[in-house]
Amino acid sequence: MYKHDNYTRCLFLDPTSSEVEYAHIKPSLLRTELRSNIERALDIINDNPMLSESFRKYSGKRDEIIIRLDNAIIYSRPIFDHNGRPQILTNIGFEVFSADSEKGKKCIDKFLSVWEASASLKSDPNTTS
C-alpha cells in the first residue's frame, strides 16, 4: 500500500495472471483469496471515484515487497525456491527507512512503475467470478 497525492494506492495480484502459479505454494487457494478480496474491495469501492482510483491489479512477478506507511518504507525481498516459488515470509529480514532517502525514492519509483503498468480492478469482470 502506498500513499501519494493524498490518496492511498493498493495493488492486488491479478487472479487471472499466470504469476499466480508461482506466487504461492497453493496457487488455487491464492487465486480464490485474490478473487474474494477483489470482490470485497469492489463492494466497498462501489461508485466512489476516489476509491476506484486507489486500487489496481498487476500481473508481473513480485521480486520486492514495498510497503509505505506515512514517510517510512518497509522493504524486503522474497526468497524463492529452485522452482521459482516464493518461500514463507516468516522470519525473513526486512529494512525500514525513510521515503525521502535515496533507497526510499527508488522504492517509490519502482512501485509507481508497477502502478502505471497495472489495470483497474473493474477492467475485467472475470477476475472476480
C-alpha atoms as a PDB file:
ATOM      1  CA  MET A   1       0.000   0.000   0.000  1.00  0.00           C
ATOM      2  CA  TYR A   2       1.321   3.430  -0.884  1.00  0.00           C
ATOM      3  CA  LYS A   3       0.025   6.934  -0.217  1.00  0.00           C
ATOM      4  CA  HIS A   4       0.658   9.518  -2.910  1.00  0.00           C
ATOM      5  CA  ASP A   5      -1.121  12.692  -3.965  1.00  0.00           C
ATOM      6  CA  ASN A   6      -3.414  12.445  -0.920  1.00  0.00           C
ATOM      7  CA  TYR A   7      -4.844   9.053  -1.761  1.00  0.00           C
ATOM      8  CA  THR A   8      -3.882   5.500  -0.988  1.00  0.00           C
ATOM      9  CA  ARG A   9      -2.699   3.106  -3.664  1.00  0.00           C
ATOM     10  CA  CYS A  10      -3.011  -0.616  -3.199  1.00  0.00           C
ATOM     11  CA  LEU A  11      -2.086  -3.312  -5.729  1.00  0.00           C
ATOM     12  CA  PHE A  12      -3.591  -6.797  -5.921  1.00  0.00           C
ATOM     13  CA  LEU A  13      -2.028  -9.592  -7.935  1.00  0.00           C
ATOM     14  CA  ASP A  14      -4.438 -10.273 -10.809  1.00  0.00           C
ATOM     15  CA  PRO A  15      -6.027 -13.687 -10.116  1.00  0.00           C
ATOM     16  CA  THR A  16      -6.011 -14.442 -13.866  1.00  0.00           C
ATOM     17  CA  SER A  17      -2.261 -13.829 -14.129  1.00  0.00           C
ATOM     18  CA  SER A  18      -0.011 -16.813 -14.826  1.00  0.00           C
ATOM     19  CA  GLU A  19       2.151 -15.466 -11.996  1.00  0.00           C
ATOM     20  CA  VAL A  20      -0.401 -16.835  -9.503  1.00  0.00           C
ATOM     21  CA  GLU A  21       1.051 -20.298 -10.250  1.00  0.00           C
ATOM     22  CA  TYR A  22       4.400 -19.172  -8.803  1.00  0.00           C
ATOM     23  CA  ALA A  23       3.348 -16.622  -6.187  1.00  0.00           C
ATOM     24  CA  HIS A  24       2.129 -19.109  -3.574  1.00  0.00           C
ATOM     25  CA  ILE A  25       2.712 -22.685  -2.526  1.00  0.00           C
ATOM     26  CA  LYS A  26      -1.034 -23.313  -3.121  1.00  0.00           C
ATOM     27  CA  PRO A  27      -1.964 -21.410  -6.303  1.00  0.00           C
ATOM     28  CA  SER A  28      -5.649 -22.409  -6.259  1.00  0.00           C
ATOM     29  CA  LEU A  29      -6.007 -21.098  -2.698  1.00  0.00           C
ATOM     30  CA  LEU A  30      -4.276 -17.827  -3.620  1.00  0.00           C
ATOM     31  CA  ARG A  31      -6.460 -17.399  -6.721  1.00  0.00           C
ATOM     32  CA  THR A  32      -9.617 -17.909  -4.616  1.00  0.00           C
ATOM     33  CA  GLU A  33      -8.412 -15.480  -1.936  1.00  0.00           C
ATOM     34  CA  LEU A  34      -7.452 -12.847  -4.510  1.00  0.00           C
ATOM     35  CA  ARG A  35     -10.848 -13.056  -6.211  1.00  0.00           C
ATOM     36  CA  SER A  36     -12.593 -12.852  -2.848  1.00  0.00           C
ATOM     37  CA  ASN A  37     -10.551  -9.840  -1.705  1.00  0.00           C
ATOM     38  CA  ILE A  38     -11.013  -8.030  -5.013  1.00  0.00           C
ATOM     39  CA  GLU A  39     -14.752  -8.680  -4.859  1.00  0.00           C
ATOM     40  CA  ARG A  40     -14.857  -7.240  -1.320  1.00  0.00           C
ATOM     41  CA  ALA A  41     -12.834  -4.213  -2.413  1.00  0.00           C
ATOM     42  CA  LEU A  42     -15.198  -3.610  -5.342  1.00  0.00           C
ATOM     43  CA  ASP A  43     -18.198  -3.813  -2.992  1.00  0.00           C
ATOM     44  CA  ILE A  44     -16.645  -1.142  -0.773  1.00  0.00           C
ATOM     45  CA  ILE A  45     -15.466   0.999  -3.690  1.00  0.00           C
ATOM     46  CA  ASN A  46     -18.892   0.906  -5.353  1.00  0.00           C
ATOM     47  CA  ASP A  47     -19.038   4.064  -7.483  1.00  0.00           C
ATOM     48  CA  ASN A  48     -16.720   6.192  -5.338  1.00  0.00           C
ATOM     49  CA  PRO A  49     -14.332   7.777  -7.876  1.00  0.00           C
ATOM     50  CA  MET A  50     -11.573   8.456  -5.338  1.00  0.00           C
ATOM     51  CA  LEU A  51     -11.605   4.881  -4.062  1.00  0.00           C
ATOM     52  CA  SER A  52     -11.808   3.425  -7.563  1.00  0.00           C
ATOM     53  CA  GLU A  53      -8.534   5.203  -8.395  1.00  0.00           C
ATOM     54  CA  SER A  54      -6.856   3.756  -5.296  1.00  0.00           C
ATOM     55  CA  PHE A  55      -6.952   0.032  -6.105  1.00  0.00           C
ATOM     56  CA  ARG A  56      -5.494  -1.751  -9.116  1.00  0.00           C
ATOM     57  CA  LYS A  57      -4.239  -5.190 -10.133  1.00  0.00           C
ATOM     58  CA  TYR A  58      -0.890  -6.215 -11.577  1.00  0.00           C
ATOM     59  CA  SER A  59       0.328  -9.328 -13.380  1.00  0.00           C
ATOM     60  CA  GLY A  60       4.112  -9.473 -13.028  1.00  0.00           C
ATOM     61  CA  LYS A  61       6.384 -11.319 -10.631  1.00  0.00           C
ATOM     62  CA  ARG A  62       6.835  -9.618  -7.278  1.00  0.00           C
ATOM     63  CA  ASP A  63      10.556  -9.594  -6.596  1.00  0.00           C
ATOM     64  CA  GLU A  64      10.359  -6.943  -3.895  1.00  0.00           C
ATOM     65  CA  ILE A  65       7.982  -6.220  -1.050  1.00  0.00           C
ATOM     66  CA  ILE A  66       7.466  -2.471  -0.644  1.00  0.00           C
ATOM     67  CA  ILE A  67       5.085  -1.061   1.946  1.00  0.00           C
ATOM     68  CA  ARG A  68       4.879   2.655   2.599  1.00  0.00           C
ATOM     69  CA  LEU A  69       3.413   3.943   5.843  1.00  0.00           C
ATOM     70  CA  ASP A  70       3.452   7.717   6.043  1.00  0.00           C
ATOM     71  CA  ASN A  71       7.123   8.600   5.490  1.00  0.00           C
ATOM     72  CA  ALA A  72       8.551   5.145   6.217  1.00  0.00           C
ATOM     73  CA  ILE A  73       9.281   2.336   3.776  1.00  0.00           C
ATOM     74  CA  ILE A  74       9.219  -1.290   4.917  1.00  0.00           C
ATOM     75  CA  TYR A  75      11.237  -3.306   2.420  1.00  0.00           C
ATOM     76  CA  SER A  76      12.155  -6.928   1.865  1.00  0.00           C
ATOM     77  CA  ARG A  77      12.951  -9.339  -0.932  1.00  0.00           C
ATOM     78  CA  PRO A  78      11.208 -12.715  -1.018  1.00  0.00           C
ATOM     79  CA  ILE A  79      13.322 -15.862  -1.108  1.00  0.00           C
ATOM     80  CA  PHE A  80      12.490 -18.237  -3.974  1.00  0.00           C
ATOM     81  CA  ASP A  81      12.961 -21.998  -4.118  1.00  0.00           C
ATOM     82  CA  HIS A  82      14.527 -23.866  -7.077  1.00  0.00           C
ATOM     83  CA  ASN A  83      11.134 -23.826  -8.872  1.00  0.00           C
ATOM     84  CA  GLY A  84      10.805 -20.047  -8.588  1.00  0.00           C
ATOM     85  CA  ARG A  85       8.145 -20.166  -5.865  1.00  0.00           C
ATOM     86  CA  PRO A  86       8.465 -17.681  -3.002  1.00  0.00           C
ATOM     87  CA  GLN A  87       9.078 -19.095   0.434  1.00  0.00           C
ATOM     88  CA  ILE A  88       7.061 -18.193   3.538  1.00  0.00           C
ATOM     89  CA  LEU A  89       7.978 -14.710   4.763  1.00  0.00           C
ATOM     90  CA  THR A  90       8.001 -15.683   8.444  1.00  0.00           C
ATOM     91  CA  ASN A  91      11.428 -14.907   9.919  1.00  0.00           C
ATOM     92  CA  ILE A  92      12.623 -13.143   6.772  1.00  0.00           C
ATOM     93  CA  GLY A  93      14.559  -9.946   7.374  1.00  0.00           C
ATOM     94  CA  PHE A  94      13.255  -6.530   6.379  1.00  0.00           C
ATOM     95  CA  GLU A  95      14.507  -2.971   6.380  1.00  0.00           C
ATOM     96  CA  VAL A  96      12.785   0.228   7.456  1.00  0.00           C
ATOM     97  CA  PHE A  97      13.979   3.515   6.029  1.00  0.00           C
ATOM     98  CA  SER A  98      12.759   6.985   5.115  1.00  0.00           C
ATOM     99  CA  ALA A  99      10.744   7.524   1.953  1.00  0.00           C
ATOM    100  CA  ASP A 100      12.939  10.596   1.420  1.00  0.00           C
ATOM    101  CA  SER A 101      16.169   8.570   1.417  1.00  0.00           C
ATOM    102  CA  GLU A 102      17.836   7.511  -1.836  1.00  0.00           C
ATOM    103  CA  LYS A 103      16.670   3.916  -1.306  1.00  0.00           C
ATOM    104  CA  GLY A 104      13.178   5.141  -0.385  1.00  0.00           C
ATOM    105  CA  LYS A 105      12.931   7.159  -3.586  1.00  0.00           C
ATOM    106  CA  LYS A 106      13.991   4.111  -5.629  1.00  0.00           C
ATOM    107  CA  CYS A 107      11.290   2.007  -3.935  1.00  0.00           C
ATOM    108  CA  ILE A 108       8.664   4.662  -4.674  1.00  0.00           C
ATOM    109  CA  ASP A 109       9.776   4.803  -8.316  1.00  0.00           C
ATOM    110  CA  LYS A 110       9.600   1.001  -8.551  1.00  0.00           C
ATOM    111  CA  PHE A 111       6.093   0.964  -7.058  1.00  0.00           C
ATOM    112  CA  LEU A 112       4.946   3.740  -9.387  1.00  0.00           C
ATOM    113  CA  SER A 113       6.265   1.876 -12.445  1.00  0.00           C
ATOM    114  CA  VAL A 114       4.264  -1.211 -11.422  1.00  0.00           C
ATOM    115  CA  TRP A 115       1.262   1.051 -10.714  1.00  0.00           C
ATOM    116  CA  GLU A 116       1.450   2.660 -14.158  1.00  0.00           C
ATOM    117  CA  ALA A 117       1.506  -0.786 -15.825  1.00  0.00           C
ATOM    118  CA  SER A 118      -1.375  -2.103 -13.697  1.00  0.00           C
ATOM    119  CA  ALA A 119      -5.084  -2.291 -14.573  1.00  0.00           C
ATOM    120  CA  SER A 120      -8.255  -1.099 -12.909  1.00  0.00           C
ATOM    121  CA  LEU A 121      -9.948  -3.646 -10.654  1.00  0.00           C
ATOM    122  CA  LYS A 122     -13.052  -3.190 -12.791  1.00  0.00           C
ATOM    123  CA  SER A 123     -11.214  -3.763 -16.097  1.00  0.00           C
ATOM    124  CA  ASP A 124     -12.152  -7.461 -16.363  1.00  0.00           C
ATOM    125  CA  PRO A 125     -15.319  -8.756 -14.732  1.00  0.00           C
ATOM    126  CA  ASN A 126     -13.978 -12.329 -14.957  1.00  0.00           C
ATOM    127  CA  THR A 127     -11.352 -11.669 -12.287  1.00  0.00           C
ATOM    128  CA  THR A 128     -13.932 -11.755  -9.536  1.00  0.00           C
ATOM    129  CA  SER A 129     -16.125 -14.585 -10.737  1.00  0.00           C
END
